[in-house]
Amino acid sequence: MKRESKRLWKNIIALAVLAGVVATVQVELLGRLGWIVVPDLAFAMLMCVAFYSGRETGAVLGIGTGVLVEALERTEGLHVLPLVYLACGYLCGQAARGRFTERSFVNYLCVVGVAMPVHVGVTLARLSARYGNIPSEHLVTRVLLPGAGALAAAMIVLYFPLKQLCRWLKA
């Protein structure tokens, strides 16, 4: 019992530190560089950890990461990101648990393929909430496609280190 409690606290602390570092790098470092497209590292981290750790961990990490990202961005108005991250983390963990008995890179790419339209929809919702209406000229070519490409690259790059972290957390 004591060993299980110790492992639980190790997992909570490790994932909280990971979420804090990733959200800070995304918002404070990459967001201020003046790039047109900033990859959503928090979403990429959430999907990979949920894929390997399960639906409960994905849901809790999704809420925490979403709240942290929105707090660091100092957004006003509708705060939908924690709910979206909650749903995505839960569903990704559930898909990995129920659909894919073998958690391999190819199966992860299938989950990434499903997550991309969700992220595009979240981007559209956040743009419409921020600006009132969505600026339509060059929206697909200058915002949505580069954002999806940057997210896919971040998900692939973060896959292997986060896979090792999840294995360490289970040990």
C-alpha atoms as a PDB file:
ATOM      1  CA  MET A   1       0.000   0.000   0.000  1.00  0.00           C
ATOM      2  CA  LYS A   2       2.776   2.403   0.910  1.00  0.00           C
ATOM      3  CA  ARG A   3       4.678   1.554  -2.269  1.00  0.00           C
ATOM      4  CA  GLU A   4       1.582   2.240  -4.405  1.00  0.00           C
ATOM      5  CA  SER A   5       1.059   5.605  -2.699  1.00  0.00           C
ATOM      6  CA  LYS A   6       4.685   6.524  -3.280  1.00  0.00           C
ATOM      7  CA  ARG A   7       4.411   5.619  -6.978  1.00  0.00           C
ATOM      8  CA  LEU A   8       1.205   7.646  -7.309  1.00  0.00           C
ATOM      9  CA  TRP A   9       2.858  10.748  -5.857  1.00  0.00           C
ATOM     10  CA  LYS A  10       5.886  10.229  -8.101  1.00  0.00           C
ATOM     11  CA  ASN A  11       3.590  10.165 -11.132  1.00  0.00           C
ATOM     12  CA  ILE A  12       1.618  13.219 -10.029  1.00  0.00           C
ATOM     13  CA  ILE A  13       4.715  15.299  -9.384  1.00  0.00           C
ATOM     14  CA  ALA A  14       6.449  14.215 -12.601  1.00  0.00           C
ATOM     15  CA  LEU A  15       3.413  14.969 -14.771  1.00  0.00           C
ATOM     16  CA  ALA A  16       2.751  18.295 -13.043  1.00  0.00           C
ATOM     17  CA  VAL A  17       6.348  19.389 -13.610  1.00  0.00           C
ATOM     18  CA  LEU A  18       6.179  18.189 -17.225  1.00  0.00           C
ATOM     19  CA  ALA A  19       2.940  20.090 -17.862  1.00  0.00           C
ATOM     20  CA  GLY A  20       4.359  23.227 -16.261  1.00  0.00           C
ATOM     21  CA  VAL A  21       7.550  23.129 -18.302  1.00  0.00           C
ATOM     22  CA  VAL A  22       5.774  22.400 -21.589  1.00  0.00           C
ATOM     23  CA  ALA A  23       3.124  25.102 -21.060  1.00  0.00           C
ATOM     24  CA  THR A  24       5.749  27.658 -20.068  1.00  0.00           C
ATOM     25  CA  VAL A  25       7.926  26.880 -23.074  1.00  0.00           C
ATOM     26  CA  GLN A  26       4.923  27.041 -25.393  1.00  0.00           C
ATOM     27  CA  VAL A  27       3.452  30.284 -24.116  1.00  0.00           C
ATOM     28  CA  GLU A  28       6.381  32.273 -22.758  1.00  0.00           C
ATOM     29  CA  LEU A  29       9.175  31.205 -25.089  1.00  0.00           C
ATOM     30  CA  LEU A  30       7.709  30.104 -28.418  1.00  0.00           C
ATOM     31  CA  GLY A  31       4.728  32.450 -28.209  1.00  0.00           C
ATOM     32  CA  ARG A  32       6.947  35.500 -27.833  1.00  0.00           C
ATOM     33  CA  LEU A  33       9.363  34.707 -30.643  1.00  0.00           C
ATOM     34  CA  GLY A  34       7.049  36.338 -33.145  1.00  0.00           C
ATOM     35  CA  TRP A  35       6.524  33.241 -35.258  1.00  0.00           C
ATOM     36  CA  ILE A  36       3.384  33.124 -37.310  1.00  0.00           C
ATOM     37  CA  VAL A  37       2.659  29.561 -36.198  1.00  0.00           C
ATOM     38  CA  VAL A  38       3.475  28.233 -32.741  1.00  0.00           C
ATOM     39  CA  PRO A  39       3.196  24.472 -32.288  1.00  0.00           C
ATOM     40  CA  ASP A  40       0.817  23.434 -29.538  1.00  0.00           C
ATOM     41  CA  LEU A  41       3.320  21.531 -27.406  1.00  0.00           C
ATOM     42  CA  ALA A  42       0.824  21.129 -24.579  1.00  0.00           C
ATOM     43  CA  PHE A  43      -1.642  19.305 -26.825  1.00  0.00           C
ATOM     44  CA  ALA A  44       1.139  17.122 -28.255  1.00  0.00           C
ATOM     45  CA  MET A  45       2.356  16.237 -24.757  1.00  0.00           C
ATOM     46  CA  LEU A  46      -1.186  15.509 -23.578  1.00  0.00           C
ATOM     47  CA  MET A  47      -1.958  13.165 -26.454  1.00  0.00           C
ATOM     48  CA  CYS A  48       1.240  11.152 -26.046  1.00  0.00           C
ATOM     49  CA  VAL A  49       0.931  10.803 -22.271  1.00  0.00           C
ATOM     50  CA  ALA A  50      -2.758   9.872 -22.554  1.00  0.00           C
ATOM     51  CA  PHE A  51      -1.909   7.313 -25.248  1.00  0.00           C
ATOM     52  CA  TYR A  52       0.494   5.537 -22.904  1.00  0.00           C
ATOM     53  CA  SER A  53      -0.955   6.252 -19.464  1.00  0.00           C
ATOM     54  CA  GLY A  54      -4.678   5.800 -20.035  1.00  0.00           C
ATOM     55  CA  ARG A  55      -7.905   7.740 -19.946  1.00  0.00           C
ATOM     56  CA  GLU A  56      -7.890   8.805 -16.288  1.00  0.00           C
ATOM     57  CA  THR A  57      -4.394  10.255 -16.472  1.00  0.00           C
ATOM     58  CA  GLY A  58      -5.212  11.869 -19.813  1.00  0.00           C
ATOM     59  CA  ALA A  59      -8.349  13.513 -18.457  1.00  0.00           C
ATOM     60  CA  VAL A  60      -6.702  14.900 -15.327  1.00  0.00           C
ATOM     61  CA  LEU A  61      -3.612  16.035 -17.208  1.00  0.00           C
ATOM     62  CA  GLY A  62      -5.857  17.624 -19.835  1.00  0.00           C
ATOM     63  CA  ILE A  63      -7.713  19.766 -17.323  1.00  0.00           C
ATOM     64  CA  GLY A  64      -4.527  20.824 -15.555  1.00  0.00           C
ATOM     65  CA  THR A  65      -2.652  21.605 -18.742  1.00  0.00           C
ATOM     66  CA  GLY A  66      -5.574  23.520 -20.241  1.00  0.00           C
ATOM     67  CA  VAL A  67      -5.967  25.662 -17.122  1.00  0.00           C
ATOM     68  CA  LEU A  68      -2.226  26.291 -17.003  1.00  0.00           C
ATOM     69  CA  VAL A  69      -1.983  27.303 -20.676  1.00  0.00           C
ATOM     70  CA  GLU A  70      -4.933  29.667 -20.408  1.00  0.00           C
ATOM     71  CA  ALA A  71      -3.560  31.168 -17.199  1.00  0.00           C
ATOM     72  CA  LEU A  72      -0.180  31.779 -18.827  1.00  0.00           C
ATOM     73  CA  GLU A  73      -1.811  33.253 -21.948  1.00  0.00           C
ATOM     74  CA  ARG A  74      -3.908  35.560 -19.735  1.00  0.00           C
ATOM     75  CA  THR A  75      -6.928  35.007 -21.960  1.00  0.00           C
ATOM     76  CA  GLU A  76     -10.200  36.779 -21.361  1.00  0.00           C
ATOM     77  CA  GLY A  77     -13.669  35.535 -22.075  1.00  0.00           C
ATOM     78  CA  LEU A  78     -14.611  31.952 -22.826  1.00  0.00           C
ATOM     79  CA  HIS A  79     -12.225  29.388 -21.340  1.00  0.00           C
ATOM     80  CA  VAL A  80     -12.899  26.275 -23.377  1.00  0.00           C
ATOM     81  CA  LEU A  81      -9.366  24.877 -23.588  1.00  0.00           C
ATOM     82  CA  PRO A  82      -9.450  22.859 -20.327  1.00  0.00           C
ATOM     83  CA  LEU A  83     -12.667  21.127 -21.396  1.00  0.00           C
ATOM     84  CA  VAL A  84     -11.309  20.349 -24.848  1.00  0.00           C
ATOM     85  CA  TYR A  85      -8.046  19.030 -23.399  1.00  0.00           C
ATOM     86  CA  LEU A  86     -10.054  16.957 -20.897  1.00  0.00           C
ATOM     87  CA  ALA A  87     -12.110  15.364 -23.671  1.00  0.00           C
ATOM     88  CA  CYS A  88      -9.098  14.800 -25.945  1.00  0.00           C
ATOM     89  CA  GLY A  89      -6.994  13.260 -23.165  1.00  0.00           C
ATOM     90  CA  TYR A  90      -9.818  10.972 -22.072  1.00  0.00           C
ATOM     91  CA  LEU A  91     -10.729   9.862 -25.593  1.00  0.00           C
ATOM     92  CA  CYS A  92      -7.108   9.298 -26.600  1.00  0.00           C
ATOM     93  CA  GLY A  93      -6.506   7.170 -23.512  1.00  0.00           C
ATOM     94  CA  GLN A  94      -9.726   5.269 -24.127  1.00  0.00           C
ATOM     95  CA  ALA A  95      -8.852   4.640 -27.786  1.00  0.00           C
ATOM     96  CA  ALA A  96      -5.399   3.380 -26.864  1.00  0.00           C
ATOM     97  CA  ARG A  97      -6.857   1.143 -24.182  1.00  0.00           C
ATOM     98  CA  GLY A  98      -9.747  -0.303 -26.119  1.00  0.00           C
ATOM     99  CA  ARG A  99      -8.703  -0.191 -29.752  1.00  0.00           C
ATOM    100  CA  PHE A 100      -4.951  -0.656 -29.751  1.00  0.00           C
ATOM    101  CA  THR A 101      -3.674  -3.447 -27.571  1.00  0.00           C
ATOM    102  CA  GLU A 102      -0.172  -2.798 -28.884  1.00  0.00           C
ATOM    103  CA  ARG A 103       0.926   0.770 -28.294  1.00  0.00           C
ATOM    104  CA  SER A 104       3.250   1.305 -31.227  1.00  0.00           C
ATOM    105  CA  PHE A 105       4.333   4.309 -33.254  1.00  0.00           C
ATOM    106  CA  VAL A 106       1.995   3.402 -36.134  1.00  0.00           C
ATOM    107  CA  ASN A 107      -0.998   3.231 -33.799  1.00  0.00           C
ATOM    108  CA  TYR A 108       0.059   6.545 -32.290  1.00  0.00           C
ATOM    109  CA  LEU A 109       0.095   8.074 -35.782  1.00  0.00           C
ATOM    110  CA  CYS A 110      -3.513   6.914 -36.208  1.00  0.00           C
ATOM    111  CA  VAL A 111      -4.447   8.745 -33.010  1.00  0.00           C
ATOM    112  CA  VAL A 112      -2.545  11.830 -34.226  1.00  0.00           C
ATOM    113  CA  GLY A 113      -4.508  11.703 -37.485  1.00  0.00           C
ATOM    114  CA  VAL A 114      -7.765  11.761 -35.550  1.00  0.00           C
ATOM    115  CA  ALA A 115      -6.542  14.514 -33.229  1.00  0.00           C
ATOM    116  CA  MET A 116      -5.610  16.925 -36.019  1.00  0.00           C
ATOM    117  CA  PRO A 117      -9.183  17.900 -37.032  1.00  0.00           C
ATOM    118  CA  VAL A 118     -10.047  18.331 -33.358  1.00  0.00           C
ATOM    119  CA  HIS A 119      -7.157  20.735 -32.923  1.00  0.00           C
ATOM    120  CA  VAL A 120      -8.164  22.655 -36.075  1.00  0.00           C
ATOM    121  CA  GLY A 121     -11.685  23.002 -34.662  1.00  0.00           C
ATOM    122  CA  VAL A 122     -10.314  24.261 -31.338  1.00  0.00           C
ATOM    123  CA  THR A 123      -8.164  26.778 -33.192  1.00  0.00           C
ATOM    124  CA  LEU A 124     -11.203  28.043 -35.101  1.00  0.00           C
ATOM    125  CA  ALA A 125     -13.259  28.296 -31.896  1.00  0.00           C
ATOM    126  CA  ARG A 126     -10.513  30.201 -30.095  1.00  0.00           C
ATOM    127  CA  LEU A 127     -10.048  32.584 -33.042  1.00  0.00           C
ATOM    128  CA  SER A 128     -13.770  33.275 -33.217  1.00  0.00           C
ATOM    129  CA  ALA A 129     -13.957  33.809 -29.447  1.00  0.00           C
ATOM    130  CA  ARG A 130     -10.983  36.172 -29.510  1.00  0.00           C
ATOM    131  CA  TYR A 131     -11.894  38.229 -32.584  1.00  0.00           C
ATOM    132  CA  GLY A 132     -15.676  37.907 -32.685  1.00  0.00           C
ATOM    133  CA  ASN A 133     -15.574  36.616 -36.236  1.00  0.00           C
ATOM    134  CA  ILE A 134     -13.000  34.520 -37.993  1.00  0.00           C
ATOM    135  CA  PRO A 135     -10.722  36.432 -40.364  1.00  0.00           C
ATOM    136  CA  SER A 136     -11.325  34.520 -43.576  1.00  0.00           C
ATOM    137  CA  GLU A 137      -8.649  35.678 -46.014  1.00  0.00           C
ATOM    138  CA  HIS A 138      -5.799  33.189 -46.117  1.00  0.00           C
ATOM    139  CA  LEU A 139      -7.076  31.452 -42.960  1.00  0.00           C
ATOM    140  CA  VAL A 140      -6.451  27.952 -44.250  1.00  0.00           C
ATOM    141  CA  THR A 141      -3.087  28.605 -45.899  1.00  0.00           C
ATOM    142  CA  ARG A 142      -1.583  30.896 -43.272  1.00  0.00           C
ATOM    143  CA  VAL A 143      -3.033  29.634 -39.995  1.00  0.00           C
ATOM    144  CA  LEU A 144      -4.724  26.236 -40.084  1.00  0.00           C
ATOM    145  CA  LEU A 145      -2.437  24.184 -42.346  1.00  0.00           C
ATOM    146  CA  PRO A 146       0.838  25.505 -40.891  1.00  0.00           C
ATOM    147  CA  GLY A 147      -0.575  25.052 -37.386  1.00  0.00           C
ATOM    148  CA  ALA A 148      -1.566  21.456 -38.130  1.00  0.00           C
ATOM    149  CA  GLY A 149       1.855  20.771 -39.648  1.00  0.00           C
ATOM    150  CA  ALA A 150       3.656  22.261 -36.651  1.00  0.00           C
ATOM    151  CA  LEU A 151       1.472  20.233 -34.286  1.00  0.00           C
ATOM    152  CA  ALA A 152       2.132  17.007 -36.211  1.00  0.00           C
ATOM    153  CA  ALA A 153       5.873  17.673 -36.128  1.00  0.00           C
ATOM    154  CA  ALA A 154       5.745  18.378 -32.382  1.00  0.00           C
ATOM    155  CA  MET A 155       3.734  15.207 -31.751  1.00  0.00           C
ATOM    156  CA  ILE A 156       6.260  13.096 -33.644  1.00  0.00           C
ATOM    157  CA  VAL A 157       9.316  14.736 -32.050  1.00  0.00           C
ATOM    158  CA  LEU A 158       7.922  14.473 -28.506  1.00  0.00           C
ATOM    159  CA  TYR A 159       6.735  10.886 -28.967  1.00  0.00           C
ATOM    160  CA  PHE A 160       9.932   9.030 -28.116  1.00  0.00           C
ATOM    161  CA  PRO A 161      11.003  11.008 -25.015  1.00  0.00           C
ATOM    162  CA  LEU A 162       7.460  10.964 -23.612  1.00  0.00           C
ATOM    163  CA  LYS A 163       7.155   7.245 -24.306  1.00  0.00           C
ATOM    164  CA  GLN A 164      10.263   6.666 -22.178  1.00  0.00           C
ATOM    165  CA  LEU A 165       8.885   8.938 -19.448  1.00  0.00           C
ATOM    166  CA  CYS A 166       5.622   6.965 -19.354  1.00  0.00           C
ATOM    167  CA  ARG A 167       7.550   3.708 -19.101  1.00  0.00           C
ATOM    168  CA  TRP A 168       9.568   5.167 -16.213  1.00  0.00           C
ATOM    169  CA  LEU A 169       6.376   6.249 -14.462  1.00  0.00           C
ATOM    170  CA  LYS A 170       4.903   2.748 -14.713  1.00  0.00           C
ATOM    171  CA  ALA A 171       8.028   1.128 -13.247  1.00  0.00           C
END
